[in-house]
Amino acid sequence: MKKIMLLAAICMLIMPVYAIEDTQQLSKEEAKYQLKLEKIKR
């Protein structure tokens, strides 16, 4: 169980963050803020 959880955490750290579907619609500040929230979650 620990190995699965550790593997999931590592995948989250190395995966690119694509939480924002269309960054062109969002302002740079909003995109930056979304990235910050994703970093906290990781």
PDB file of all heavy atoms in Angstrom:
ATOM      1  N   MET A   1       0.837  -1.188   0.000  1.00  0.00           N
ATOM      2  CA  MET A   1       0.000   0.000   0.000  1.00  0.00           C
ATOM      3  C   MET A   1       0.885   1.256   0.000  1.00  0.00           C
ATOM      4  O   MET A   1       0.584   2.209  -0.687  1.00  0.00           O
ATOM      5  CB  MET A   1      -0.914  -0.061   1.225  1.00  0.00           C
ATOM      6  CG  MET A   1      -1.871   1.071   1.320  1.00  0.00           C
ATOM      7  SD  MET A   1      -3.074   0.962   0.005  1.00  0.00           S
ATOM      8  CE  MET A   1      -4.069   2.338   0.340  1.00  0.00           C
ATOM      9  N   LYS A   2       1.952   1.218   0.838  1.00  0.00           N
ATOM     10  CA  LYS A   2       2.856   2.368   0.884  1.00  0.00           C
ATOM     11  C   LYS A   2       3.507   2.609  -0.472  1.00  0.00           C
ATOM     12  O   LYS A   2       3.680   3.744  -0.890  1.00  0.00           O
ATOM     13  CB  LYS A   2       3.934   2.162   1.950  1.00  0.00           C
ATOM     14  CG  LYS A   2       3.457   2.369   3.362  1.00  0.00           C
ATOM     15  CD  LYS A   2       4.624   2.254   4.313  1.00  0.00           C
ATOM     16  CE  LYS A   2       4.215   2.492   5.730  1.00  0.00           C
ATOM     17  NZ  LYS A   2       5.330   2.404   6.656  1.00  0.00           N
ATOM     18  N   LYS A   3       3.870   1.492  -1.160  1.00  0.00           N
ATOM     19  CA  LYS A   3       4.526   1.627  -2.458  1.00  0.00           C
ATOM     20  C   LYS A   3       3.592   2.269  -3.472  1.00  0.00           C
ATOM     21  O   LYS A   3       4.001   3.107  -4.267  1.00  0.00           O
ATOM     22  CB  LYS A   3       4.991   0.262  -2.962  1.00  0.00           C
ATOM     23  CG  LYS A   3       6.159  -0.300  -2.180  1.00  0.00           C
ATOM     24  CD  LYS A   3       6.573  -1.643  -2.715  1.00  0.00           C
ATOM     25  CE  LYS A   3       7.711  -2.218  -1.899  1.00  0.00           C
ATOM     26  NZ  LYS A   3       8.118  -3.536  -2.391  1.00  0.00           N
ATOM     27  N   ILE A   4       2.329   1.897  -3.447  1.00  0.00           N
ATOM     28  CA  ILE A   4       1.356   2.466  -4.385  1.00  0.00           C
ATOM     29  C   ILE A   4       1.182   3.953  -4.119  1.00  0.00           C
ATOM     30  O   ILE A   4       1.162   4.761  -5.051  1.00  0.00           O
ATOM     31  CB  ILE A   4       0.011   1.721  -4.287  1.00  0.00           C
ATOM     32  CG1 ILE A   4       0.183   0.290  -4.783  1.00  0.00           C
ATOM     33  CG2 ILE A   4      -1.071   2.445  -5.073  1.00  0.00           C
ATOM     34  CD1 ILE A   4      -1.015  -0.589  -4.544  1.00  0.00           C
ATOM     35  N   MET A   5       1.063   4.315  -2.837  1.00  0.00           N
ATOM     36  CA  MET A   5       0.876   5.726  -2.496  1.00  0.00           C
ATOM     37  C   MET A   5       2.107   6.547  -2.865  1.00  0.00           C
ATOM     38  O   MET A   5       1.995   7.665  -3.352  1.00  0.00           O
ATOM     39  CB  MET A   5       0.536   5.869  -1.015  1.00  0.00           C
ATOM     40  CG  MET A   5      -0.842   5.314  -0.677  1.00  0.00           C
ATOM     41  SD  MET A   5      -1.231   5.380   1.056  1.00  0.00           S
ATOM     42  CE  MET A   5      -1.445   7.135   1.248  1.00  0.00           C
ATOM     43  N   LEU A   6       3.303   5.987  -2.624  1.00  0.00           N
ATOM     44  CA  LEU A   6       4.536   6.685  -2.971  1.00  0.00           C
ATOM     45  C   LEU A   6       4.648   6.849  -4.481  1.00  0.00           C
ATOM     46  O   LEU A   6       5.007   7.915  -4.977  1.00  0.00           O
ATOM     47  CB  LEU A   6       5.747   5.928  -2.409  1.00  0.00           C
ATOM     48  CG  LEU A   6       7.091   6.595  -2.584  1.00  0.00           C
ATOM     49  CD1 LEU A   6       7.093   7.969  -1.924  1.00  0.00           C
ATOM     50  CD2 LEU A   6       8.199   5.745  -2.001  1.00  0.00           C
ATOM     51  N   LEU A   7       4.292   5.796  -5.230  1.00  0.00           N
ATOM     52  CA  LEU A   7       4.331   5.866  -6.686  1.00  0.00           C
ATOM     53  C   LEU A   7       3.361   6.919  -7.200  1.00  0.00           C
ATOM     54  O   LEU A   7       3.705   7.699  -8.094  1.00  0.00           O
ATOM     55  CB  LEU A   7       4.009   4.497  -7.292  1.00  0.00           C
ATOM     56  CG  LEU A   7       4.046   4.401  -8.816  1.00  0.00           C
ATOM     57  CD1 LEU A   7       5.429   4.745  -9.334  1.00  0.00           C
ATOM     58  CD2 LEU A   7       3.638   3.024  -9.274  1.00  0.00           C
ATOM     59  N   ALA A   8       2.161   6.978  -6.619  1.00  0.00           N
ATOM     60  CA  ALA A   8       1.175   7.981  -7.035  1.00  0.00           C
ATOM     61  C   ALA A   8       1.692   9.392  -6.760  1.00  0.00           C
ATOM     62  O   ALA A   8       1.530  10.300  -7.583  1.00  0.00           O
ATOM     63  CB  ALA A   8      -0.145   7.751  -6.316  1.00  0.00           C
ATOM     64  N   ALA A   9       2.328   9.582  -5.616  1.00  0.00           N
ATOM     65  CA  ALA A   9       2.858  10.903  -5.275  1.00  0.00           C
ATOM     66  C   ALA A   9       3.978  11.300  -6.224  1.00  0.00           C
ATOM     67  O   ALA A   9       4.058  12.449  -6.676  1.00  0.00           O
ATOM     68  CB  ALA A   9       3.344  10.915  -3.836  1.00  0.00           C
ATOM     69  N   ILE A  10       4.842  10.353  -6.576  1.00  0.00           N
ATOM     70  CA  ILE A  10       5.945  10.644  -7.490  1.00  0.00           C
ATOM     71  C   ILE A  10       5.398  10.990  -8.874  1.00  0.00           C
ATOM     72  O   ILE A  10       5.860  11.935  -9.514  1.00  0.00           O
ATOM     73  CB  ILE A  10       6.932   9.454  -7.557  1.00  0.00           C
ATOM     74  CG1 ILE A  10       7.671   9.328  -6.217  1.00  0.00           C
ATOM     75  CG2 ILE A  10       7.910   9.607  -8.713  1.00  0.00           C
ATOM     76  CD1 ILE A  10       8.509   8.080  -6.082  1.00  0.00           C
ATOM     77  N   CYS A  11       4.375  10.250  -9.327  1.00  0.00           N
ATOM     78  CA  CYS A  11       3.766  10.556 -10.629  1.00  0.00           C
ATOM     79  C   CYS A  11       3.193  11.958 -10.644  1.00  0.00           C
ATOM     80  O   CYS A  11       3.315  12.676 -11.636  1.00  0.00           O
ATOM     81  CB  CYS A  11       2.668   9.543 -10.948  1.00  0.00           C
ATOM     82  SG  CYS A  11       3.329   7.920 -11.376  1.00  0.00           S
ATOM     83  N   MET A  12       2.576  12.356  -9.541  1.00  0.00           N
ATOM     84  CA  MET A  12       2.008  13.704  -9.480  1.00  0.00           C
ATOM     85  C   MET A  12       3.107  14.760  -9.547  1.00  0.00           C
ATOM     86  O   MET A  12       2.894  15.846 -10.072  1.00  0.00           O
ATOM     87  CB  MET A  12       1.173  13.884  -8.209  1.00  0.00           C
ATOM     88  CG  MET A  12      -0.138  13.133  -8.254  1.00  0.00           C
ATOM     89  SD  MET A  12      -1.139  13.462  -6.817  1.00  0.00           S
ATOM     90  CE  MET A  12      -1.644  15.132  -7.170  1.00  0.00           C
ATOM     91  N   LEU A  13       4.274  14.448  -8.993  1.00  0.00           N
ATOM     92  CA  LEU A  13       5.361  15.417  -8.991  1.00  0.00           C
ATOM     93  C   LEU A  13       6.001  15.576 -10.362  1.00  0.00           C
ATOM     94  O   LEU A  13       6.434  16.668 -10.733  1.00  0.00           O
ATOM     95  CB  LEU A  13       6.428  15.004  -7.970  1.00  0.00           C
ATOM     96  CG  LEU A  13       6.025  15.132  -6.513  1.00  0.00           C
ATOM     97  CD1 LEU A  13       7.114  14.543  -5.619  1.00  0.00           C
ATOM     98  CD2 LEU A  13       5.795  16.584  -6.156  1.00  0.00           C
ATOM     99  N   ILE A  14       6.086  14.478 -11.130  1.00  0.00           N
ATOM    100  CA  ILE A  14       6.792  14.572 -12.404  1.00  0.00           C
ATOM    101  C   ILE A  14       5.854  14.821 -13.577  1.00  0.00           C
ATOM    102  O   ILE A  14       6.300  15.185 -14.653  1.00  0.00           O
ATOM    103  CB  ILE A  14       7.644  13.309 -12.663  1.00  0.00           C
ATOM    104  CG1 ILE A  14       6.777  12.043 -12.701  1.00  0.00           C
ATOM    105  CG2 ILE A  14       8.739  13.189 -11.642  1.00  0.00           C
ATOM    106  CD1 ILE A  14       7.535  10.790 -13.104  1.00  0.00           C
ATOM    107  N   MET A  15       4.556  14.630 -13.388  1.00  0.00           N
ATOM    108  CA  MET A  15       3.599  14.887 -14.475  1.00  0.00           C
ATOM    109  C   MET A  15       3.467  16.380 -14.696  1.00  0.00           C
ATOM    110  O   MET A  15       3.415  17.152 -13.759  1.00  0.00           O
ATOM    111  CB  MET A  15       2.218  14.333 -14.114  1.00  0.00           C
ATOM    112  CG  MET A  15       2.093  12.866 -14.353  1.00  0.00           C
ATOM    113  SD  MET A  15       0.410  12.226 -14.097  1.00  0.00           S
ATOM    114  CE  MET A  15      -0.550  13.529 -13.521  1.00  0.00           C
ATOM    115  N   PRO A  16       3.371  16.789 -15.931  1.00  0.00           N
ATOM    116  CA  PRO A  16       3.087  18.208 -16.183  1.00  0.00           C
ATOM    117  C   PRO A  16       1.692  18.537 -15.678  1.00  0.00           C
ATOM    118  O   PRO A  16       0.808  17.702 -15.682  1.00  0.00           O
ATOM    119  CB  PRO A  16       3.166  18.340 -17.703  1.00  0.00           C
ATOM    120  CG  PRO A  16       3.611  17.040 -18.231  1.00  0.00           C
ATOM    121  CD  PRO A  16       3.583  16.036 -17.144  1.00  0.00           C
ATOM    122  N   VAL A  17       1.529  19.727 -15.262  1.00  0.00           N
ATOM    123  CA  VAL A  17       0.242  20.147 -14.729  1.00  0.00           C
ATOM    124  C   VAL A  17      -0.619  20.645 -15.876  1.00  0.00           C
ATOM    125  O   VAL A  17      -0.313  21.642 -16.509  1.00  0.00           O
ATOM    126  CB  VAL A  17       0.437  21.252 -13.666  1.00  0.00           C
ATOM    127  CG1 VAL A  17      -0.907  21.726 -13.149  1.00  0.00           C
ATOM    128  CG2 VAL A  17       1.290  20.739 -12.532  1.00  0.00           C
ATOM    129  N   TYR A  18      -1.701  19.925 -16.141  1.00  0.00           N
ATOM    130  CA  TYR A  18      -2.649  20.308 -17.170  1.00  0.00           C
ATOM    131  C   TYR A  18      -4.019  20.556 -16.562  1.00  0.00           C
ATOM    132  O   TYR A  18      -5.044  20.294 -17.184  1.00  0.00           O
ATOM    133  CB  TYR A  18      -2.762  19.225 -18.244  1.00  0.00           C
ATOM    134  CG  TYR A  18      -1.503  19.065 -19.045  1.00  0.00           C
ATOM    135  CD1 TYR A  18      -0.682  17.968 -18.877  1.00  0.00           C
ATOM    136  CD2 TYR A  18      -1.124  20.049 -19.961  1.00  0.00           C
ATOM    137  CE1 TYR A  18       0.477  17.820 -19.602  1.00  0.00           C
ATOM    138  CE2 TYR A  18       0.047  19.915 -20.692  1.00  0.00           C
ATOM    139  CZ  TYR A  18       0.836  18.794 -20.511  1.00  0.00           C
ATOM    140  OH  TYR A  18       1.981  18.658 -21.220  1.00  0.00           O
ATOM    141  N   ALA A  19      -4.049  21.053 -15.336  1.00  0.00           N
ATOM    142  CA  ALA A  19      -5.315  21.285 -14.650  1.00  0.00           C
ATOM    143  C   ALA A  19      -6.119  22.383 -15.324  1.00  0.00           C
ATOM    144  O   ALA A  19      -7.334  22.412 -15.252  1.00  0.00           O
ATOM    145  CB  ALA A  19      -5.069  21.632 -13.194  1.00  0.00           C
ATOM    146  N   ILE A  20      -5.424  23.286 -15.972  1.00  0.00           N
ATOM    147  CA  ILE A  20      -6.109  24.391 -16.644  1.00  0.00           C
ATOM    148  C   ILE A  20      -6.342  23.958 -18.085  1.00  0.00           C
ATOM    149  O   ILE A  20      -5.405  23.730 -18.842  1.00  0.00           O
ATOM    150  CB  ILE A  20      -5.263  25.669 -16.587  1.00  0.00           C
ATOM    151  CG1 ILE A  20      -4.988  26.015 -15.135  1.00  0.00           C
ATOM    152  CG2 ILE A  20      -5.964  26.809 -17.290  1.00  0.00           C
ATOM    153  CD1 ILE A  20      -3.977  27.104 -14.965  1.00  0.00           C
ATOM    154  N   GLU A  21      -7.600  23.818 -18.464  1.00  0.00           N
ATOM    155  CA  GLU A  21      -7.926  23.277 -19.782  1.00  0.00           C
ATOM    156  C   GLU A  21      -7.518  24.216 -20.914  1.00  0.00           C
ATOM    157  O   GLU A  21      -6.993  23.795 -21.928  1.00  0.00           O
ATOM    158  CB  GLU A  21      -9.416  22.988 -19.850  1.00  0.00           C
ATOM    159  CG  GLU A  21      -9.834  21.878 -18.930  1.00  0.00           C
ATOM    160  CD  GLU A  21     -11.323  21.610 -19.027  1.00  0.00           C
ATOM    161  OE1 GLU A  21     -11.902  21.857 -20.085  1.00  0.00           O
ATOM    162  OE2 GLU A  21     -11.877  21.171 -18.045  1.00  0.00           O
ATOM    163  N   ASP A  22      -7.759  25.457 -20.768  1.00  0.00           N
ATOM    164  CA  ASP A  22      -7.454  26.388 -21.845  1.00  0.00           C
ATOM    165  C   ASP A  22      -6.797  27.622 -21.249  1.00  0.00           C
ATOM    166  O   ASP A  22      -7.457  28.573 -20.881  1.00  0.00           O
ATOM    167  CB  ASP A  22      -8.731  26.757 -22.590  1.00  0.00           C
ATOM    168  CG  ASP A  22      -8.440  27.520 -23.860  1.00  0.00           C
ATOM    169  OD1 ASP A  22      -7.249  27.689 -24.197  1.00  0.00           O
ATOM    170  OD2 ASP A  22      -9.403  27.940 -24.520  1.00  0.00           O
ATOM    171  N   THR A  23      -5.470  27.595 -21.164  1.00  0.00           N
ATOM    172  CA  THR A  23      -4.756  28.706 -20.543  1.00  0.00           C
ATOM    173  C   THR A  23      -4.854  29.990 -21.353  1.00  0.00           C
ATOM    174  O   THR A  23      -4.610  31.064 -20.830  1.00  0.00           O
ATOM    175  CB  THR A  23      -3.269  28.350 -20.331  1.00  0.00           C
ATOM    176  OG1 THR A  23      -2.708  27.968 -21.584  1.00  0.00           O
ATOM    177  CG2 THR A  23      -3.117  27.235 -19.319  1.00  0.00           C
ATOM    178  N   GLN A  24      -5.232  29.884 -22.604  1.00  0.00           N
ATOM    179  CA  GLN A  24      -5.363  31.097 -23.410  1.00  0.00           C
ATOM    180  C   GLN A  24      -6.528  31.938 -22.936  1.00  0.00           C
ATOM    181  O   GLN A  24      -6.518  33.157 -23.087  1.00  0.00           O
ATOM    182  CB  GLN A  24      -5.533  30.729 -24.882  1.00  0.00           C
ATOM    183  CG  GLN A  24      -4.303  30.062 -25.460  1.00  0.00           C
ATOM    184  CD  GLN A  24      -4.546  29.571 -26.885  1.00  0.00           C
ATOM    185  OE1 GLN A  24      -5.666  29.577 -27.363  1.00  0.00           O
ATOM    186  NE2 GLN A  24      -3.478  29.142 -27.546  1.00  0.00           N
ATOM    187  N   GLN A  25      -7.559  31.303 -22.362  1.00  0.00           N
ATOM    188  CA  GLN A  25      -8.715  32.045 -21.885  1.00  0.00           C
ATOM    189  C   GLN A  25      -8.459  32.681 -20.526  1.00  0.00           C
ATOM    190  O   GLN A  25      -9.137  33.611 -20.135  1.00  0.00           O
ATOM    191  CB  GLN A  25      -9.937  31.135 -21.794  1.00  0.00           C
ATOM    192  CG  GLN A  25     -10.421  30.660 -23.141  1.00  0.00           C
ATOM    193  CD  GLN A  25     -11.608  29.733 -23.009  1.00  0.00           C
ATOM    194  OE1 GLN A  25     -11.974  29.326 -21.930  1.00  0.00           O
ATOM    195  NE2 GLN A  25     -12.207  29.390 -24.141  1.00  0.00           N
ATOM    196  N   LEU A  26      -7.526  32.148 -19.798  1.00  0.00           N
ATOM    197  CA  LEU A  26      -7.238  32.667 -18.468  1.00  0.00           C
ATOM    198  C   LEU A  26      -6.128  33.708 -18.533  1.00  0.00           C
ATOM    199  O   LEU A  26      -5.231  33.631 -19.359  1.00  0.00           O
ATOM    200  CB  LEU A  26      -6.801  31.531 -17.536  1.00  0.00           C
ATOM    201  CG  LEU A  26      -7.821  30.415 -17.305  1.00  0.00           C
ATOM    202  CD1 LEU A  26      -7.193  29.325 -16.471  1.00  0.00           C
ATOM    203  CD2 LEU A  26      -9.068  30.949 -16.641  1.00  0.00           C
ATOM    204  N   SER A  27      -6.196  34.629 -17.637  1.00  0.00           N
ATOM    205  CA  SER A  27      -5.118  35.607 -17.581  1.00  0.00           C
ATOM    206  C   SER A  27      -3.874  34.943 -17.021  1.00  0.00           C
ATOM    207  O   SER A  27      -3.920  33.859 -16.459  1.00  0.00           O
ATOM    208  CB  SER A  27      -5.535  36.784 -16.705  1.00  0.00           C
ATOM    209  OG  SER A  27      -5.577  36.378 -15.349  1.00  0.00           O
ATOM    210  N   LYS A  28      -2.763  35.588 -17.191  1.00  0.00           N
ATOM    211  CA  LYS A  28      -1.510  35.033 -16.682  1.00  0.00           C
ATOM    212  C   LYS A  28      -1.547  34.870 -15.175  1.00  0.00           C
ATOM    213  O   LYS A  28      -1.040  33.900 -14.639  1.00  0.00           O
ATOM    214  CB  LYS A  28      -0.338  35.935 -17.087  1.00  0.00           C
ATOM    215  CG  LYS A  28      -0.026  35.890 -18.557  1.00  0.00           C
ATOM    216  CD  LYS A  28       1.148  36.787 -18.883  1.00  0.00           C
ATOM    217  CE  LYS A  28       1.442  36.779 -20.357  1.00  0.00           C
ATOM    218  NZ  LYS A  28       2.565  37.649 -20.714  1.00  0.00           N
ATOM    219  N   GLU A  29      -2.180  35.817 -14.493  1.00  0.00           N
ATOM    220  CA  GLU A  29      -2.270  35.723 -13.031  1.00  0.00           C
ATOM    221  C   GLU A  29      -3.095  34.528 -12.602  1.00  0.00           C
ATOM    222  O   GLU A  29      -2.734  33.827 -11.664  1.00  0.00           O
ATOM    223  CB  GLU A  29      -2.875  37.000 -12.455  1.00  0.00           C
ATOM    224  CG  GLU A  29      -1.965  38.195 -12.515  1.00  0.00           C
ATOM    225  CD  GLU A  29      -2.596  39.431 -11.885  1.00  0.00           C
ATOM    226  OE1 GLU A  29      -3.635  39.301 -11.208  1.00  0.00           O
ATOM    227  OE2 GLU A  29      -2.047  40.511 -12.063  1.00  0.00           O
ATOM    228  N   GLU A  30      -4.207  34.284 -13.272  1.00  0.00           N
ATOM    229  CA  GLU A  30      -5.047  33.140 -12.930  1.00  0.00           C
ATOM    230  C   GLU A  30      -4.309  31.831 -13.174  1.00  0.00           C
ATOM    231  O   GLU A  30      -4.393  30.907 -12.381  1.00  0.00           O
ATOM    232  CB  GLU A  30      -6.357  33.186 -13.724  1.00  0.00           C
ATOM    233  CG  GLU A  30      -7.289  34.290 -13.274  1.00  0.00           C
ATOM    234  CD  GLU A  30      -8.483  34.446 -14.204  1.00  0.00           C
ATOM    235  OE1 GLU A  30      -8.341  34.193 -15.427  1.00  0.00           O
ATOM    236  OE2 GLU A  30      -9.547  34.833 -13.706  1.00  0.00           O
ATOM    237  N   ALA A  31      -3.598  31.748 -14.286  1.00  0.00           N
ATOM    238  CA  ALA A  31      -2.832  30.544 -14.588  1.00  0.00           C
ATOM    239  C   ALA A  31      -1.742  30.328 -13.546  1.00  0.00           C
ATOM    240  O   ALA A  31      -1.528  29.201 -13.085  1.00  0.00           O
ATOM    241  CB  ALA A  31      -2.226  30.645 -15.987  1.00  0.00           C
ATOM    242  N   LYS A  32      -1.065  31.399 -13.158  1.00  0.00           N
ATOM    243  CA  LYS A  32      -0.020  31.312 -12.136  1.00  0.00           C
ATOM    244  C   LYS A  32      -0.611  30.839 -10.809  1.00  0.00           C
ATOM    245  O   LYS A  32      -0.039  30.000 -10.126  1.00  0.00           O
ATOM    246  CB  LYS A  32       0.646  32.681 -11.981  1.00  0.00           C
ATOM    247  CG  LYS A  32       1.765  32.722 -10.978  1.00  0.00           C
ATOM    248  CD  LYS A  32       2.362  34.132 -10.916  1.00  0.00           C
ATOM    249  CE  LYS A  32       3.357  34.255  -9.805  1.00  0.00           C
ATOM    250  NZ  LYS A  32       3.883  35.619  -9.670  1.00  0.00           N
ATOM    251  N   TYR A  33      -1.782  31.362 -10.483  1.00  0.00           N
ATOM    252  CA  TYR A  33      -2.432  30.986  -9.227  1.00  0.00           C
ATOM    253  C   TYR A  33      -2.861  29.518  -9.252  1.00  0.00           C
ATOM    254  O   TYR A  33      -2.686  28.805  -8.276  1.00  0.00           O
ATOM    255  CB  TYR A  33      -3.637  31.892  -8.966  1.00  0.00           C
ATOM    256  CG  TYR A  33      -4.187  31.731  -7.595  1.00  0.00           C
ATOM    257  CD1 TYR A  33      -3.513  32.241  -6.505  1.00  0.00           C
ATOM    258  CD2 TYR A  33      -5.370  31.042  -7.387  1.00  0.00           C
ATOM    259  CE1 TYR A  33      -4.000  32.076  -5.233  1.00  0.00           C
ATOM    260  CE2 TYR A  33      -5.868  30.875  -6.119  1.00  0.00           C
ATOM    261  CZ  TYR A  33      -5.185  31.396  -5.037  1.00  0.00           C
ATOM    262  OH  TYR A  33      -5.668  31.222  -3.779  1.00  0.00           O
ATOM    263  N   GLN A  34      -3.383  29.053 -10.377  1.00  0.00           N
ATOM    264  CA  GLN A  34      -3.765  27.648 -10.504  1.00  0.00           C
ATOM    265  C   GLN A  34      -2.546  26.739 -10.349  1.00  0.00           C
ATOM    266  O   GLN A  34      -2.620  25.687  -9.714  1.00  0.00           O
ATOM    267  CB  GLN A  34      -4.437  27.398 -11.864  1.00  0.00           C
ATOM    268  CG  GLN A  34      -5.812  27.982 -11.992  1.00  0.00           C
ATOM    269  CD  GLN A  34      -6.811  27.319 -11.075  1.00  0.00           C
ATOM    270  OE1 GLN A  34      -6.725  26.138 -10.797  1.00  0.00           O
ATOM    271  NE2 GLN A  34      -7.762  28.104 -10.598  1.00  0.00           N
ATOM    272  N   LEU A  35      -1.431  27.137 -10.919  1.00  0.00           N
ATOM    273  CA  LEU A  35      -0.201  26.350 -10.774  1.00  0.00           C
ATOM    274  C   LEU A  35       0.250  26.292  -9.315  1.00  0.00           C
ATOM    275  O   LEU A  35       0.723  25.266  -8.839  1.00  0.00           O
ATOM    276  CB  LEU A  35       0.905  26.923 -11.662  1.00  0.00           C
ATOM    277  CG  LEU A  35       0.700  26.742 -13.166  1.00  0.00           C
ATOM    278  CD1 LEU A  35       1.757  27.509 -13.947  1.00  0.00           C
ATOM    279  CD2 LEU A  35       0.706  25.276 -13.531  1.00  0.00           C
ATOM    280  N   LYS A  36       0.083  27.405  -8.614  1.00  0.00           N
ATOM    281  CA  LYS A  36       0.452  27.447  -7.201  1.00  0.00           C
ATOM    282  C   LYS A  36      -0.413  26.471  -6.390  1.00  0.00           C
ATOM    283  O   LYS A  36       0.088  25.744  -5.533  1.00  0.00           O
ATOM    284  CB  LYS A  36       0.283  28.867  -6.668  1.00  0.00           C
ATOM    285  CG  LYS A  36       0.767  29.045  -5.245  1.00  0.00           C
ATOM    286  CD  LYS A  36       0.499  30.394  -4.616  1.00  0.00           C
ATOM    287  CE  LYS A  36       0.366  31.551  -5.513  1.00  0.00           C
ATOM    288  NZ  LYS A  36       0.077  32.802  -4.822  1.00  0.00           N
ATOM    289  N   LEU A  37      -1.710  26.441  -6.674  1.00  0.00           N
ATOM    290  CA  LEU A  37      -2.599  25.510  -5.978  1.00  0.00           C
ATOM    291  C   LEU A  37      -2.233  24.060  -6.277  1.00  0.00           C
ATOM    292  O   LEU A  37      -2.256  23.205  -5.386  1.00  0.00           O
ATOM    293  CB  LEU A  37      -4.054  25.775  -6.352  1.00  0.00           C
ATOM    294  CG  LEU A  37      -4.680  27.033  -5.780  1.00  0.00           C
ATOM    295  CD1 LEU A  37      -6.099  27.202  -6.294  1.00  0.00           C
ATOM    296  CD2 LEU A  37      -4.669  27.010  -4.266  1.00  0.00           C
ATOM    297  N   GLU A  38      -1.885  23.777  -7.531  1.00  0.00           N
ATOM    298  CA  GLU A  38      -1.463  22.424  -7.895  1.00  0.00           C
ATOM    299  C   GLU A  38      -0.179  22.029  -7.150  1.00  0.00           C
ATOM    300  O   GLU A  38      -0.018  20.890  -6.733  1.00  0.00           O
ATOM    301  CB  GLU A  38      -1.257  22.305  -9.408  1.00  0.00           C
ATOM    302  CG  GLU A  38      -2.541  22.309 -10.192  1.00  0.00           C
ATOM    303  CD  GLU A  38      -3.444  21.149  -9.838  1.00  0.00           C
ATOM    304  OE1 GLU A  38      -2.963  20.015  -9.665  1.00  0.00           O
ATOM    305  OE2 GLU A  38      -4.661  21.389  -9.738  1.00  0.00           O
ATOM    306  N   LYS A  39       0.725  22.982  -6.974  1.00  0.00           N
ATOM    307  CA  LYS A  39       1.970  22.721  -6.254  1.00  0.00           C
ATOM    308  C   LYS A  39       1.659  22.353  -4.797  1.00  0.00           C
ATOM    309  O   LYS A  39       2.249  21.419  -4.245  1.00  0.00           O
ATOM    310  CB  LYS A  39       2.875  23.947  -6.317  1.00  0.00           C
ATOM    311  CG  LYS A  39       4.204  23.767  -5.651  1.00  0.00           C
ATOM    312  CD  LYS A  39       5.060  25.023  -5.786  1.00  0.00           C
ATOM    313  CE  LYS A  39       6.364  24.884  -5.042  1.00  0.00           C
ATOM    314  NZ  LYS A  39       7.168  26.111  -5.114  1.00  0.00           N
ATOM    315  N   ILE A  40       0.721  23.056  -4.188  1.00  0.00           N
ATOM    316  CA  ILE A  40       0.324  22.751  -2.813  1.00  0.00           C
ATOM    317  C   ILE A  40      -0.259  21.346  -2.736  1.00  0.00           C
ATOM    318  O   ILE A  40       0.067  20.562  -1.837  1.00  0.00           O
ATOM    319  CB  ILE A  40      -0.690  23.798  -2.288  1.00  0.00           C
ATOM    320  CG1 ILE A  40      -0.001  25.148  -2.105  1.00  0.00           C
ATOM    321  CG2 ILE A  40      -1.323  23.349  -0.978  1.00  0.00           C
ATOM    322  CD1 ILE A  40      -0.950  26.298  -1.823  1.00  0.00           C
ATOM    323  N   LYS A  41      -1.103  20.988  -3.704  1.00  0.00           N
ATOM    324  CA  LYS A  41      -1.708  19.648  -3.723  1.00  0.00           C
ATOM    325  C   LYS A  41      -0.645  18.568  -3.880  1.00  0.00           C
ATOM    326  O   LYS A  41      -0.727  17.510  -3.263  1.00  0.00           O
ATOM    327  CB  LYS A  41      -2.736  19.549  -4.849  1.00  0.00           C
ATOM    328  CG  LYS A  41      -3.992  20.335  -4.575  1.00  0.00           C
ATOM    329  CD  LYS A  41      -4.951  20.230  -5.749  1.00  0.00           C
ATOM    330  CE  LYS A  41      -6.175  21.096  -5.547  1.00  0.00           C
ATOM    331  NZ  LYS A  41      -7.074  21.058  -6.721  1.00  0.00           N
ATOM    332  N   ARG A  42       0.362  18.817  -4.736  1.00  0.00           N
ATOM    333  CA  ARG A  42       1.432  17.830  -4.911  1.00  0.00           C
ATOM    334  C   ARG A  42       2.227  17.645  -3.630  1.00  0.00           C
ATOM    335  O   ARG A  42       2.592  16.531  -3.267  1.00  0.00           O
ATOM    336  CB  ARG A  42       2.344  18.251  -6.061  1.00  0.00           C
ATOM    337  CG  ARG A  42       1.735  18.031  -7.430  1.00  0.00           C
ATOM    338  CD  ARG A  42       2.757  18.138  -8.544  1.00  0.00           C
ATOM    339  NE  ARG A  42       3.525  19.357  -8.547  1.00  0.00           N
ATOM    340  CZ  ARG A  42       3.188  20.459  -9.217  1.00  0.00           C
ATOM    341  NH1 ARG A  42       2.098  20.473  -9.949  1.00  0.00           N
ATOM    342  NH2 ARG A  42       3.955  21.530  -9.181  1.00  0.00           N
TER     343      ARG A  42
END
